[in-house]
PDB file of N, CA and C in Angstrom:
ATOM      1  N   UNK A   1      -5.200  -9.632  -6.785  1.00  0.00           N
ATOM      2  CA  UNK A   1      -4.093  -8.849  -6.280  1.00  0.00           C
ATOM      3  C   UNK A   1      -4.066  -7.513  -6.994  1.00  0.00           C
ATOM      4  N   UNK A   2      -3.917  -6.508  -6.242  1.00  0.00           N
ATOM      5  CA  UNK A   2      -3.936  -5.167  -6.810  1.00  0.00           C
ATOM      6  C   UNK A   2      -2.666  -4.874  -7.600  1.00  0.00           C
ATOM      7  N   UNK A   3      -1.534  -5.299  -7.082  1.00  0.00           N
ATOM      8  CA  UNK A   3      -0.262  -5.024  -7.752  1.00  0.00           C
ATOM      9  C   UNK A   3       0.127  -6.210  -8.615  1.00  0.00           C
ATOM     10  N   UNK A   4       0.823  -5.926  -9.691  1.00  0.00           N
ATOM     11  CA  UNK A   4       1.333  -6.996 -10.549  1.00  0.00           C
ATOM     12  C   UNK A   4       2.473  -7.704  -9.833  1.00  0.00           C
ATOM     13  N   UNK A   5       2.555  -8.995 -10.031  1.00  0.00           N
ATOM     14  CA  UNK A   5       3.641  -9.762  -9.428  1.00  0.00           C
ATOM     15  C   UNK A   5       4.928  -9.501 -10.188  1.00  0.00           C
ATOM     16  N   UNK A   6       6.050  -9.436  -9.474  1.00  0.00           N
ATOM     17  CA  UNK A   6       7.334  -9.224 -10.157  1.00  0.00           C
ATOM     18  C   UNK A   6       7.725 -10.441 -10.991  1.00  0.00           C
ATOM     19  N   UNK A   7       8.623 -10.230 -11.909  1.00  0.00           N
ATOM     20  CA  UNK A   7       9.110 -11.303 -12.787  1.00  0.00           C
ATOM     21  C   UNK A   7      10.148 -12.168 -12.093  1.00  0.00           C
ATOM     22  N   UNK A   8      10.732 -11.682 -11.024  1.00  0.00           N
ATOM     23  CA  UNK A   8      11.774 -12.446 -10.323  1.00  0.00           C
ATOM     24  C   UNK A   8      11.149 -13.276  -9.199  1.00  0.00           C
ATOM     25  N   UNK A   9      11.921 -14.219  -8.681  1.00  0.00           N
ATOM     26  CA  UNK A   9      11.455 -14.997  -7.538  1.00  0.00           C
ATOM     27  C   UNK A   9      11.348 -14.097  -6.320  1.00  0.00           C
ATOM     28  N   UNK A  10      10.366 -14.380  -5.471  1.00  0.00           N
ATOM     29  CA  UNK A  10      10.077 -13.544  -4.311  1.00  0.00           C
ATOM     30  C   UNK A  10      10.779 -14.059  -3.064  1.00  0.00           C
ATOM     31  N   UNK A  11      11.237 -13.147  -2.239  1.00  0.00           N
ATOM     32  CA  UNK A  11      11.761 -13.501  -0.921  1.00  0.00           C
ATOM     33  C   UNK A  11      10.569 -13.575   0.041  1.00  0.00           C
ATOM     34  N   UNK A  12      10.750 -14.147   1.222  1.00  0.00           N
ATOM     35  CA  UNK A  12       9.664 -14.122   2.208  1.00  0.00           C
ATOM     36  C   UNK A  12       9.204 -12.693   2.526  1.00  0.00           C
ATOM     37  N   UNK A  13      10.134 -11.757   2.597  1.00  0.00           N
ATOM     38  CA  UNK A  13       9.777 -10.360   2.854  1.00  0.00           C
ATOM     39  C   UNK A  13       8.951  -9.790   1.708  1.00  0.00           C
ATOM     40  N   UNK A  14       9.342 -10.095   0.471  1.00  0.00           N
ATOM     41  CA  UNK A  14       8.563  -9.659  -0.692  1.00  0.00           C
ATOM     42  C   UNK A  14       7.128 -10.175  -0.599  1.00  0.00           C
ATOM     43  N   UNK A  15       6.991 -11.461  -0.260  1.00  0.00           N
ATOM     44  CA  UNK A  15       5.676 -12.082  -0.174  1.00  0.00           C
ATOM     45  C   UNK A  15       4.833 -11.437   0.924  1.00  0.00           C
ATOM     46  N   UNK A  16       5.438 -11.213   2.071  1.00  0.00           N
ATOM     47  CA  UNK A  16       4.719 -10.561   3.179  1.00  0.00           C
ATOM     48  C   UNK A  16       4.264  -9.158   2.772  1.00  0.00           C
ATOM     49  N   UNK A  17       5.134  -8.400   2.134  1.00  0.00           N
ATOM     50  CA  UNK A  17       4.789  -7.049   1.690  1.00  0.00           C
ATOM     51  C   UNK A  17       3.682  -7.086   0.640  1.00  0.00           C
ATOM     52  N   UNK A  18       3.792  -7.998  -0.293  1.00  0.00           N
ATOM     53  CA  UNK A  18       2.822  -8.107  -1.378  1.00  0.00           C
ATOM     54  C   UNK A  18       1.423  -8.422  -0.851  1.00  0.00           C
ATOM     55  N   UNK A  19       1.357  -9.316   0.127  1.00  0.00           N
ATOM     56  CA  UNK A  19       0.065  -9.737   0.656  1.00  0.00           C
ATOM     57  C   UNK A  19      -0.381  -8.924   1.860  1.00  0.00           C
ATOM     58  N   UNK A  20       0.489  -8.071   2.367  1.00  0.00           N
ATOM     59  CA  UNK A  20       0.131  -7.227   3.509  1.00  0.00           C
ATOM     60  C   UNK A  20      -0.034  -8.007   4.797  1.00  0.00           C
ATOM     61  N   UNK A  21       0.829  -9.001   4.981  1.00  0.00           N
ATOM     62  CA  UNK A  21       0.798  -9.810   6.202  1.00  0.00           C
ATOM     63  C   UNK A  21       2.158  -9.712   6.888  1.00  0.00           C
ATOM     64  N   UNK A  22       2.205 -10.005   8.192  1.00  0.00           N
ATOM     65  CA  UNK A  22       3.505 -10.006   8.872  1.00  0.00           C
ATOM     66  C   UNK A  22       4.429 -11.096   8.312  1.00  0.00           C
ATOM     67  N   UNK A  23       5.709 -10.844   8.348  1.00  0.00           N
ATOM     68  CA  UNK A  23       6.693 -11.815   7.872  1.00  0.00           C
ATOM     69  C   UNK A  23       6.546 -13.149   8.601  1.00  0.00           C
ATOM     70  N   UNK A  24       6.279 -13.104   9.896  1.00  0.00           N
ATOM     71  CA  UNK A  24       6.122 -14.341  10.662  1.00  0.00           C
ATOM     72  C   UNK A  24       4.975 -15.189  10.120  1.00  0.00           C
ATOM     73  N   UNK A  25       3.941 -14.568   9.566  1.00  0.00           N
ATOM     74  CA  UNK A  25       2.831 -15.307   8.976  1.00  0.00           C
ATOM     75  C   UNK A  25       3.315 -16.138   7.796  1.00  0.00           C
ATOM     76  N   UNK A  26       4.178 -15.575   6.985  1.00  0.00           N
ATOM     77  CA  UNK A  26       4.736 -16.307   5.834  1.00  0.00           C
ATOM     78  C   UNK A  26       5.498 -17.542   6.329  1.00  0.00           C
ATOM     79  N   UNK A  27       6.293 -17.368   7.380  1.00  0.00           N
ATOM     80  CA  UNK A  27       7.045 -18.512   7.920  1.00  0.00           C
ATOM     81  C   UNK A  27       6.112 -19.545   8.554  1.00  0.00           C
ATOM     82  N   UNK A  28       5.022 -19.096   9.173  1.00  0.00           N
ATOM     83  CA  UNK A  28       4.053 -20.043   9.736  1.00  0.00           C
ATOM     84  C   UNK A  28       3.377 -20.845   8.633  1.00  0.00           C
ATOM     85  N   UNK A  29       3.018 -20.177   7.542  1.00  0.00           N
ATOM     86  CA  UNK A  29       2.424 -20.900   6.416  1.00  0.00           C
ATOM     87  C   UNK A  29       3.382 -21.979   5.932  1.00  0.00           C
ATOM     88  N   UNK A  30       4.647 -21.668   5.871  1.00  0.00           N
ATOM     89  CA  UNK A  30       5.631 -22.654   5.392  1.00  0.00           C
ATOM     90  C   UNK A  30       5.720 -23.829   6.358  1.00  0.00           C
ATOM     91  N   UNK A  31       5.784 -23.538   7.662  1.00  0.00           N
ATOM     92  CA  UNK A  31       5.862 -24.612   8.660  1.00  0.00           C
ATOM     93  C   UNK A  31       4.622 -25.499   8.627  1.00  0.00           C
ATOM     94  N   UNK A  32       3.459 -24.889   8.455  1.00  0.00           N
ATOM     95  CA  UNK A  32       2.192 -25.625   8.459  1.00  0.00           C
ATOM     96  C   UNK A  32       1.827 -26.177   7.078  1.00  0.00           C
ATOM     97  N   UNK A  33       2.624 -25.814   6.069  1.00  0.00           N
ATOM     98  CA  UNK A  33       2.372 -26.224   4.684  1.00  0.00           C
ATOM     99  C   UNK A  33       0.995 -25.773   4.202  1.00  0.00           C
ATOM    100  N   UNK A  34       0.633 -24.535   4.528  1.00  0.00           N
ATOM    101  CA  UNK A  34      -0.661 -24.007   4.122  1.00  0.00           C
ATOM    102  C   UNK A  34      -0.539 -22.852   3.125  1.00  0.00           C
ATOM    103  N   UNK A  35       0.640 -22.335   2.948  1.00  0.00           N
ATOM    104  CA  UNK A  35       0.835 -21.193   2.060  1.00  0.00           C
ATOM    105  C   UNK A  35       1.310 -21.617   0.685  1.00  0.00           C
ATOM    106  N   UNK A  36       1.758 -20.655  -0.111  1.00  0.00           N
ATOM    107  CA  UNK A  36       2.287 -20.988  -1.438  1.00  0.00           C
ATOM    108  C   UNK A  36       3.571 -21.809  -1.310  1.00  0.00           C
ATOM    109  N   UNK A  37       3.820 -22.608  -2.334  1.00  0.00           N
ATOM    110  CA  UNK A  37       5.037 -23.430  -2.319  1.00  0.00           C
ATOM    111  C   UNK A  37       6.276 -22.548  -2.350  1.00  0.00           C
ATOM    112  N   UNK A  38       7.197 -22.851  -1.485  1.00  0.00           N
ATOM    113  CA  UNK A  38       8.482 -22.171  -1.474  1.00  0.00           C
ATOM    114  C   UNK A  38       9.574 -23.175  -1.822  1.00  0.00           C
ATOM    115  N   UNK A  39      10.727 -22.675  -2.165  1.00  0.00           N
ATOM    116  CA  UNK A  39      11.863 -23.557  -2.448  1.00  0.00           C
ATOM    117  C   UNK A  39      13.138 -22.877  -1.974  1.00  0.00           C
ATOM    118  N   UNK A  40      14.141 -23.678  -1.785  1.00  0.00           N
ATOM    119  CA  UNK A  40      15.420 -23.173  -1.287  1.00  0.00           C
ATOM    120  C   UNK A  40      16.419 -23.022  -2.435  1.00  0.00           C
ATOM    121  N   UNK A  41      17.148 -21.935  -2.379  1.00  0.00           N
ATOM    122  CA  UNK A  41      18.316 -21.715  -3.220  1.00  0.00           C
ATOM    123  C   UNK A  41      19.450 -21.580  -2.231  1.00  0.00           C
ATOM    124  N   UNK A  42      20.125 -22.690  -1.976  1.00  0.00           N
ATOM    125  CA  UNK A  42      21.101 -22.714  -0.890  1.00  0.00           C
ATOM    126  C   UNK A  42      20.353 -22.558   0.421  1.00  0.00           C
ATOM    127  N   UNK A  43      20.689 -21.534   1.173  1.00  0.00           N
ATOM    128  CA  UNK A  43      20.002 -21.296   2.448  1.00  0.00           C
ATOM    129  C   UNK A  43      18.839 -20.308   2.294  1.00  0.00           C
ATOM    130  N   UNK A  44      18.660 -19.773   1.098  1.00  0.00           N
ATOM    131  CA  UNK A  44      17.666 -18.725   0.870  1.00  0.00           C
ATOM    132  C   UNK A  44      16.332 -19.306   0.414  1.00  0.00           C
ATOM    133  N   UNK A  45      15.250 -18.841   1.028  1.00  0.00           N
ATOM    134  CA  UNK A  45      13.902 -19.261   0.687  1.00  0.00           C
ATOM    135  C   UNK A  45      13.355 -18.337  -0.392  1.00  0.00           C
ATOM    136  N   UNK A  46      12.770 -18.924  -1.430  1.00  0.00           N
ATOM    137  CA  UNK A  46      12.195 -18.140  -2.525  1.00  0.00           C
ATOM    138  C   UNK A  46      10.829 -18.704  -2.905  1.00  0.00           C
ATOM    139  N   UNK A  47      10.023 -17.842  -3.530  1.00  0.00           N
ATOM    140  CA  UNK A  47       8.688 -18.207  -3.992  1.00  0.00           C
ATOM    141  C   UNK A  47       8.555 -17.815  -5.455  1.00  0.00           C
ATOM    142  N   UNK A  48       7.997 -18.726  -6.253  1.00  0.00           N
ATOM    143  CA  UNK A  48       7.746 -18.458  -7.660  1.00  0.00           C
ATOM    144  C   UNK A  48       6.474 -17.618  -7.747  1.00  0.00           C
ATOM    145  N   UNK A  49       6.514 -16.457  -8.410  1.00  0.00           N
ATOM    146  CA  UNK A  49       5.317 -15.619  -8.499  1.00  0.00           C
ATOM    147  C   UNK A  49       4.101 -16.367  -9.065  1.00  0.00           C
ATOM    148  N   UNK A  50       4.320 -17.289  -9.986  1.00  0.00           N
ATOM    149  CA  UNK A  50       3.201 -18.038 -10.560  1.00  0.00           C
ATOM    150  C   UNK A  50       2.579 -18.973  -9.517  1.00  0.00           C
ATOM    151  N   UNK A  51       3.403 -19.584  -8.656  1.00  0.00           N
ATOM    152  CA  UNK A  51       2.872 -20.417  -7.571  1.00  0.00           C
ATOM    153  C   UNK A  51       2.062 -19.567  -6.585  1.00  0.00           C
ATOM    154  N   UNK A  52       2.529 -18.352  -6.328  1.00  0.00           N
ATOM    155  CA  UNK A  52       1.801 -17.444  -5.440  1.00  0.00           C
ATOM    156  C   UNK A  52       0.449 -17.098  -6.063  1.00  0.00           C
ATOM    157  N   UNK A  53       0.443 -16.812  -7.351  1.00  0.00           N
ATOM    158  CA  UNK A  53      -0.795 -16.484  -8.057  1.00  0.00           C
ATOM    159  C   UNK A  53      -1.775 -17.661  -7.981  1.00  0.00           C
ATOM    160  N   UNK A  54      -1.291 -18.868  -8.211  1.00  0.00           N
ATOM    161  CA  UNK A  54      -2.139 -20.061  -8.153  1.00  0.00           C
ATOM    162  C   UNK A  54      -2.702 -20.262  -6.755  1.00  0.00           C
ATOM    163  N   UNK A  55      -1.875 -20.067  -5.740  1.00  0.00           N
ATOM    164  CA  UNK A  55      -2.312 -20.230  -4.356  1.00  0.00           C
ATOM    165  C   UNK A  55      -3.390 -19.213  -3.998  1.00  0.00           C
ATOM    166  N   UNK A  56      -3.174 -17.953  -4.372  1.00  0.00           N
ATOM    167  CA  UNK A  56      -4.168 -16.918  -4.088  1.00  0.00           C
ATOM    168  C   UNK A  56      -5.468 -17.231  -4.826  1.00  0.00           C
ATOM    169  N   UNK A  57      -5.383 -17.672  -6.070  1.00  0.00           N
ATOM    170  CA  UNK A  57      -6.585 -18.041  -6.826  1.00  0.00           C
ATOM    171  C   UNK A  57      -7.348 -19.160  -6.147  1.00  0.00           C
ATOM    172  N   UNK A  58      -6.623 -20.123  -5.580  1.00  0.00           N
ATOM    173  CA  UNK A  58      -7.295 -21.231  -4.884  1.00  0.00           C
ATOM    174  C   UNK A  58      -8.023 -20.719  -3.645  1.00  0.00           C
ATOM    175  N   UNK A  59      -7.462 -19.727  -2.962  1.00  0.00           N
ATOM    176  CA  UNK A  59      -8.132 -19.140  -1.805  1.00  0.00           C
ATOM    177  C   UNK A  59      -9.407 -18.402  -2.232  1.00  0.00           C
ATOM    178  N   UNK A  60      -9.321 -17.688  -3.348  1.00  0.00           N
ATOM    179  CA  UNK A  60     -10.483 -16.959  -3.843  1.00  0.00           C
ATOM    180  C   UNK A  60     -11.582 -17.948  -4.243  1.00  0.00           C
ATOM    181  N   UNK A  61     -11.196 -19.048  -4.893  1.00  0.00           N
ATOM    182  CA  UNK A  61     -12.165 -20.050  -5.303  1.00  0.00           C
ATOM    183  C   UNK A  61     -12.821 -20.729  -4.109  1.00  0.00           C
ATOM    184  N   UNK A  62     -12.039 -21.004  -3.069  1.00  0.00           N
ATOM    185  CA  UNK A  62     -12.589 -21.603  -1.851  1.00  0.00           C
ATOM    186  C   UNK A  62     -13.610 -20.664  -1.216  1.00  0.00           C
ATOM    187  N   UNK A  63     -13.260 -19.379  -1.195  1.00  0.00           N
ATOM    188  CA  UNK A  63     -14.132 -18.374  -0.582  1.00  0.00           C
ATOM    189  C   UNK A  63     -15.449 -18.260  -1.338  1.00  0.00           C
ATOM    190  N   UNK A  64     -15.381 -18.263  -2.671  1.00  0.00           N
ATOM    191  CA  UNK A  64     -16.609 -18.106  -3.453  1.00  0.00           C
ATOM    192  C   UNK A  64     -17.447 -19.380  -3.445  1.00  0.00           C
ATOM    193  N   UNK A  65     -16.826 -20.537  -3.171  1.00  0.00           N
ATOM    194  CA  UNK A  65     -17.566 -21.797  -3.104  1.00  0.00           C
ATOM    195  C   UNK A  65     -18.282 -21.961  -1.755  1.00  0.00           C
ATOM    196  N   UNK A  66     -17.815 -21.242  -0.758  1.00  0.00           N
ATOM    197  CA  UNK A  66     -18.402 -21.380   0.592  1.00  0.00           C
ATOM    198  C   UNK A  66     -19.704 -20.634   0.753  1.00  0.00           C
TER     199      UNK A  66
END
């Protein structure tokens, strides 16, 4: 990732902006359980920056193993 991850929990919009994908893609990943782990704070969806980092690393590792 080119930019450093923020210290706070990420919103779906933050995640979409960070990864340069449409917001709907983030919601599709959640529905399909293919993206980084998200959690709810009341009705609000949040992502732990460390979980996002781990998920991206797993994608990079899969790519280099192929």
